[in-house]
Amino acid sequence: LRDFLLVYNRMTELCFRHCVCNLNYRLLTGREESCLDSCAARLVRANHRLMGAYVGLVPALLQRRAAEHGTPAGPSGLPGAPDPAPG
């Protein structure tokens, strides 16, 4: 949740600084509104692409970490459960 809020706040700040240039009026102009809409849409699409790439890379990363630590990776790519203790 914290990461989501950080991304949201950063996106809001970037688009506001880029699009809103006159603070003398209570309402946004049509130009400012369309700029904000396109700016937010661009950043959301970029975030979706990044998250898609991240989700695609996670299983390989987990398998590599498991191999480095000598633990077998389970079918989900997560390290397998430890072997039960004898006895």
N, C-alpha and C. Protein backbone atom coordinates (compact mmCIF):
# COMPACT_ATOMS: atom_id res chain seq x y z
N LEU A 1 0.83 -1.18 0.00
CA LEU A 1 0.00 0.00 0.00
C LEU A 1 0.88 1.25 0.00
N ARG A 2 1.95 1.20 0.77
CA ARG A 2 2.84 2.35 0.84
C ARG A 2 3.45 2.65 -0.52
N ASP A 3 3.91 1.59 -1.22
CA ASP A 3 4.50 1.79 -2.55
C ASP A 3 3.49 2.35 -3.53
N PHE A 4 2.25 1.84 -3.45
CA PHE A 4 1.20 2.37 -4.33
C PHE A 4 0.99 3.85 -4.07
N LEU A 5 0.91 4.24 -2.81
CA LEU A 5 0.69 5.65 -2.48
C LEU A 5 1.86 6.52 -2.91
N LEU A 6 3.08 6.01 -2.79
CA LEU A 6 4.24 6.77 -3.25
C LEU A 6 4.19 7.00 -4.75
N VAL A 7 3.85 5.96 -5.51
CA VAL A 7 3.74 6.09 -6.96
C VAL A 7 2.63 7.08 -7.32
N TYR A 8 1.49 6.95 -6.66
CA TYR A 8 0.36 7.84 -6.93
C TYR A 8 0.74 9.29 -6.63
N ASN A 9 1.37 9.54 -5.49
CA ASN A 9 1.76 10.91 -5.13
C ASN A 9 2.79 11.47 -6.10
N ARG A 10 3.73 10.65 -6.51
CA ARG A 10 4.75 11.12 -7.45
C ARG A 10 4.11 11.44 -8.81
N MET A 11 3.19 10.58 -9.26
CA MET A 11 2.51 10.81 -10.52
C MET A 11 1.71 12.11 -10.46
N THR A 12 0.99 12.32 -9.36
CA THR A 12 0.20 13.53 -9.19
C THR A 12 1.09 14.76 -9.24
N GLU A 13 2.21 14.71 -8.55
CA GLU A 13 3.12 15.85 -8.52
C GLU A 13 3.71 16.14 -9.90
N LEU A 14 4.15 15.09 -10.61
CA LEU A 14 4.72 15.30 -11.94
C LEU A 14 3.72 15.91 -12.90
N CYS A 15 2.51 15.36 -12.94
CA CYS A 15 1.50 15.86 -13.87
C CYS A 15 1.06 17.27 -13.49
N PHE A 16 0.92 17.54 -12.21
CA PHE A 16 0.51 18.88 -11.78
C PHE A 16 1.57 19.90 -12.19
N ARG A 17 2.82 19.61 -11.93
CA ARG A 17 3.88 20.55 -12.29
C ARG A 17 3.98 20.76 -13.80
N HIS A 18 3.72 19.70 -14.55
CA HIS A 18 3.82 19.78 -16.01
C HIS A 18 2.64 20.52 -16.62
N CYS A 19 1.45 20.34 -16.07
CA CYS A 19 0.23 20.81 -16.74
C CYS A 19 -0.38 22.08 -16.17
N VAL A 20 -0.27 22.32 -14.88
CA VAL A 20 -0.95 23.46 -14.27
C VAL A 20 0.04 24.60 -14.14
N CYS A 21 -0.27 25.66 -14.87
CA CYS A 21 0.68 26.78 -14.88
C CYS A 21 0.11 28.06 -14.28
N ASN A 22 -1.19 28.09 -14.01
CA ASN A 22 -1.81 29.30 -13.48
C ASN A 22 -2.66 28.92 -12.27
N LEU A 23 -2.27 29.41 -11.10
CA LEU A 23 -2.99 29.09 -9.87
C LEU A 23 -3.93 30.21 -9.44
N ASN A 24 -4.24 31.14 -10.36
CA ASN A 24 -5.10 32.27 -10.02
C ASN A 24 -6.58 31.93 -10.07
N TYR A 25 -6.94 30.75 -10.57
CA TYR A 25 -8.34 30.37 -10.71
C TYR A 25 -8.63 29.10 -9.92
N ARG A 26 -9.86 29.00 -9.47
CA ARG A 26 -10.26 27.84 -8.67
C ARG A 26 -10.35 26.58 -9.51
N LEU A 27 -10.86 26.70 -10.73
CA LEU A 27 -11.06 25.56 -11.62
C LEU A 27 -9.94 25.46 -12.64
N LEU A 28 -9.75 24.25 -13.14
CA LEU A 28 -8.75 24.02 -14.19
C LEU A 28 -9.32 24.49 -15.53
N THR A 29 -8.43 24.94 -16.39
CA THR A 29 -8.86 25.27 -17.74
C THR A 29 -9.02 23.97 -18.53
N GLY A 30 -9.67 24.03 -19.67
CA GLY A 30 -9.83 22.85 -20.51
C GLY A 30 -8.49 22.30 -20.95
N ARG A 31 -7.57 23.18 -21.25
CA ARG A 31 -6.22 22.75 -21.68
C ARG A 31 -5.50 22.02 -20.54
N GLU A 32 -5.62 22.55 -19.32
CA GLU A 32 -4.98 21.90 -18.17
C GLU A 32 -5.60 20.53 -17.90
N GLU A 33 -6.93 20.44 -18.00
CA GLU A 33 -7.60 19.16 -17.78
C GLU A 33 -7.16 18.11 -18.79
N SER A 34 -7.12 18.48 -20.06
CA SER A 34 -6.71 17.50 -21.07
C SER A 34 -5.24 17.12 -20.91
N CYS A 35 -4.41 18.06 -20.51
CA CYS A 35 -2.99 17.76 -20.25
C CYS A 35 -2.87 16.78 -19.09
N LEU A 36 -3.62 17.02 -18.02
CA LEU A 36 -3.58 16.13 -16.86
C LEU A 36 -4.08 14.74 -17.21
N ASP A 37 -5.15 14.67 -18.00
CA ASP A 37 -5.68 13.37 -18.41
C ASP A 37 -4.65 12.58 -19.20
N SER A 38 -4.01 13.22 -20.17
CA SER A 38 -3.04 12.50 -21.00
C SER A 38 -1.78 12.17 -20.21
N CYS A 39 -1.37 13.06 -19.32
CA CYS A 39 -0.18 12.80 -18.50
C CYS A 39 -0.42 11.60 -17.58
N ALA A 40 -1.56 11.57 -16.90
CA ALA A 40 -1.87 10.47 -16.00
C ALA A 40 -2.00 9.17 -16.78
N ALA A 41 -2.65 9.22 -17.95
CA ALA A 41 -2.81 8.01 -18.76
C ALA A 41 -1.45 7.47 -19.21
N ARG A 42 -0.55 8.35 -19.60
CA ARG A 42 0.80 7.92 -20.01
C ARG A 42 1.52 7.24 -18.86
N LEU A 43 1.48 7.84 -17.69
CA LEU A 43 2.18 7.27 -16.54
C LEU A 43 1.55 5.96 -16.09
N VAL A 44 0.24 5.84 -16.15
CA VAL A 44 -0.43 4.59 -15.77
C VAL A 44 -0.05 3.48 -16.75
N ARG A 45 -0.05 3.80 -18.06
CA ARG A 45 0.36 2.79 -19.06
C ARG A 45 1.81 2.35 -18.83
N ALA A 46 2.69 3.31 -18.55
CA ALA A 46 4.09 2.97 -18.29
C ALA A 46 4.22 2.10 -17.05
N ASN A 47 3.45 2.42 -16.01
CA ASN A 47 3.49 1.63 -14.79
C ASN A 47 2.98 0.21 -15.05
N HIS A 48 1.94 0.07 -15.86
CA HIS A 48 1.42 -1.26 -16.19
C HIS A 48 2.46 -2.08 -16.96
N ARG A 49 3.16 -1.44 -17.89
CA ARG A 49 4.20 -2.15 -18.65
C ARG A 49 5.33 -2.58 -17.74
N LEU A 50 5.74 -1.70 -16.83
CA LEU A 50 6.81 -2.05 -15.89
C LEU A 50 6.41 -3.19 -14.97
N MET A 51 5.19 -3.15 -14.47
CA MET A 51 4.72 -4.21 -13.58
C MET A 51 4.60 -5.52 -14.34
N GLY A 52 4.17 -5.48 -15.60
CA GLY A 52 4.10 -6.70 -16.41
C GLY A 52 5.47 -7.32 -16.60
N ALA A 53 6.46 -6.48 -16.87
CA ALA A 53 7.83 -6.98 -17.03
C ALA A 53 8.34 -7.55 -15.71
N TYR A 54 8.05 -6.88 -14.61
CA TYR A 54 8.48 -7.34 -13.30
C TYR A 54 7.87 -8.71 -12.97
N VAL A 55 6.57 -8.85 -13.22
CA VAL A 55 5.90 -10.11 -12.95
C VAL A 55 6.50 -11.23 -13.80
N GLY A 56 6.91 -10.91 -15.02
CA GLY A 56 7.52 -11.91 -15.88
C GLY A 56 8.91 -12.33 -15.42
N LEU A 57 9.62 -11.43 -14.75
CA LEU A 57 10.99 -11.71 -14.31
C LEU A 57 11.08 -12.36 -12.93
N VAL A 58 10.06 -12.22 -12.11
CA VAL A 58 10.13 -12.70 -10.73
C VAL A 58 10.39 -14.20 -10.63
N PRO A 59 9.69 -15.08 -11.39
CA PRO A 59 9.97 -16.52 -11.24
C PRO A 59 11.43 -16.88 -11.52
N ALA A 60 12.02 -16.29 -12.57
CA ALA A 60 13.42 -16.58 -12.88
C ALA A 60 14.33 -16.06 -11.77
N LEU A 61 14.03 -14.91 -11.23
CA LEU A 61 14.83 -14.34 -10.14
C LEU A 61 14.76 -15.23 -8.90
N LEU A 62 13.57 -15.71 -8.57
CA LEU A 62 13.42 -16.57 -7.40
C LEU A 62 14.14 -17.90 -7.60
N GLN A 63 14.08 -18.45 -8.81
CA GLN A 63 14.79 -19.70 -9.07
C GLN A 63 16.30 -19.50 -8.96
N ARG A 64 16.79 -18.38 -9.46
CA ARG A 64 18.23 -18.10 -9.37
C ARG A 64 18.66 -17.95 -7.92
N ARG A 65 17.85 -17.23 -7.12
CA ARG A 65 18.19 -17.08 -5.70
C ARG A 65 18.18 -18.43 -4.99
N ALA A 66 17.20 -19.25 -5.32
CA ALA A 66 17.11 -20.57 -4.69
C ALA A 66 18.33 -21.41 -5.06
N ALA A 67 18.77 -21.32 -6.31
CA ALA A 67 19.94 -22.08 -6.75
C ALA A 67 21.20 -21.58 -6.04
N GLU A 68 21.31 -20.29 -5.84
CA GLU A 68 22.47 -19.73 -5.15
C GLU A 68 22.53 -20.18 -3.69
N HIS A 69 21.36 -20.33 -3.08
CA HIS A 69 21.32 -20.74 -1.67
C HIS A 69 21.24 -22.25 -1.51
N GLY A 70 21.16 -22.96 -2.61
CA GLY A 70 21.16 -24.42 -2.56
C GLY A 70 19.84 -25.03 -2.16
N THR A 71 18.76 -24.26 -2.20
CA THR A 71 17.44 -24.82 -1.87
C THR A 71 16.68 -25.04 -3.17
N PRO A 72 16.01 -26.16 -3.29
CA PRO A 72 15.27 -26.41 -4.52
C PRO A 72 14.06 -25.49 -4.60
N ALA A 73 13.77 -25.03 -5.80
CA ALA A 73 12.62 -24.16 -6.01
C ALA A 73 11.40 -25.01 -6.25
N GLY A 74 10.28 -24.61 -5.66
CA GLY A 74 9.02 -25.32 -5.86
C GLY A 74 8.43 -24.97 -7.22
N PRO A 75 7.26 -25.50 -7.55
CA PRO A 75 6.65 -25.26 -8.84
C PRO A 75 6.28 -23.80 -9.07
N SER A 76 6.05 -23.04 -8.01
CA SER A 76 5.71 -21.64 -8.16
C SER A 76 6.95 -20.76 -8.29
N GLY A 77 8.13 -21.36 -8.21
CA GLY A 77 9.35 -20.58 -8.25
C GLY A 77 9.85 -20.20 -6.87
N LEU A 78 9.02 -20.46 -5.85
CA LEU A 78 9.42 -20.16 -4.48
C LEU A 78 10.27 -21.31 -3.94
N PRO A 79 11.16 -21.02 -3.04
CA PRO A 79 11.94 -22.10 -2.46
C PRO A 79 11.04 -23.15 -1.84
N GLY A 80 11.42 -24.40 -1.99
CA GLY A 80 10.62 -25.51 -1.48
C GLY A 80 10.61 -25.52 0.04
N ALA A 81 9.67 -26.29 0.58
CA ALA A 81 9.58 -26.42 2.03
C ALA A 81 10.78 -27.20 2.54
N PRO A 82 11.27 -26.88 3.73
CA PRO A 82 12.41 -27.63 4.26
C PRO A 82 12.04 -29.09 4.49
N ASP A 83 13.04 -29.96 4.37
CA ASP A 83 12.83 -31.38 4.60
C ASP A 83 12.47 -31.61 6.06
N PRO A 84 11.52 -32.52 6.31
CA PRO A 84 11.17 -32.79 7.70
C PRO A 84 12.34 -33.41 8.45
N ALA A 85 12.40 -33.11 9.72
CA ALA A 85 13.48 -33.65 10.55
C ALA A 85 13.27 -35.15 10.75
N PRO A 86 14.36 -35.92 10.72
CA PRO A 86 14.20 -37.37 10.93
C PRO A 86 13.70 -37.65 12.35
N GLY A 87 12.91 -38.72 12.45
CA GLY A 87 12.47 -39.18 13.75
C GLY A 87 11.18 -38.70 14.08
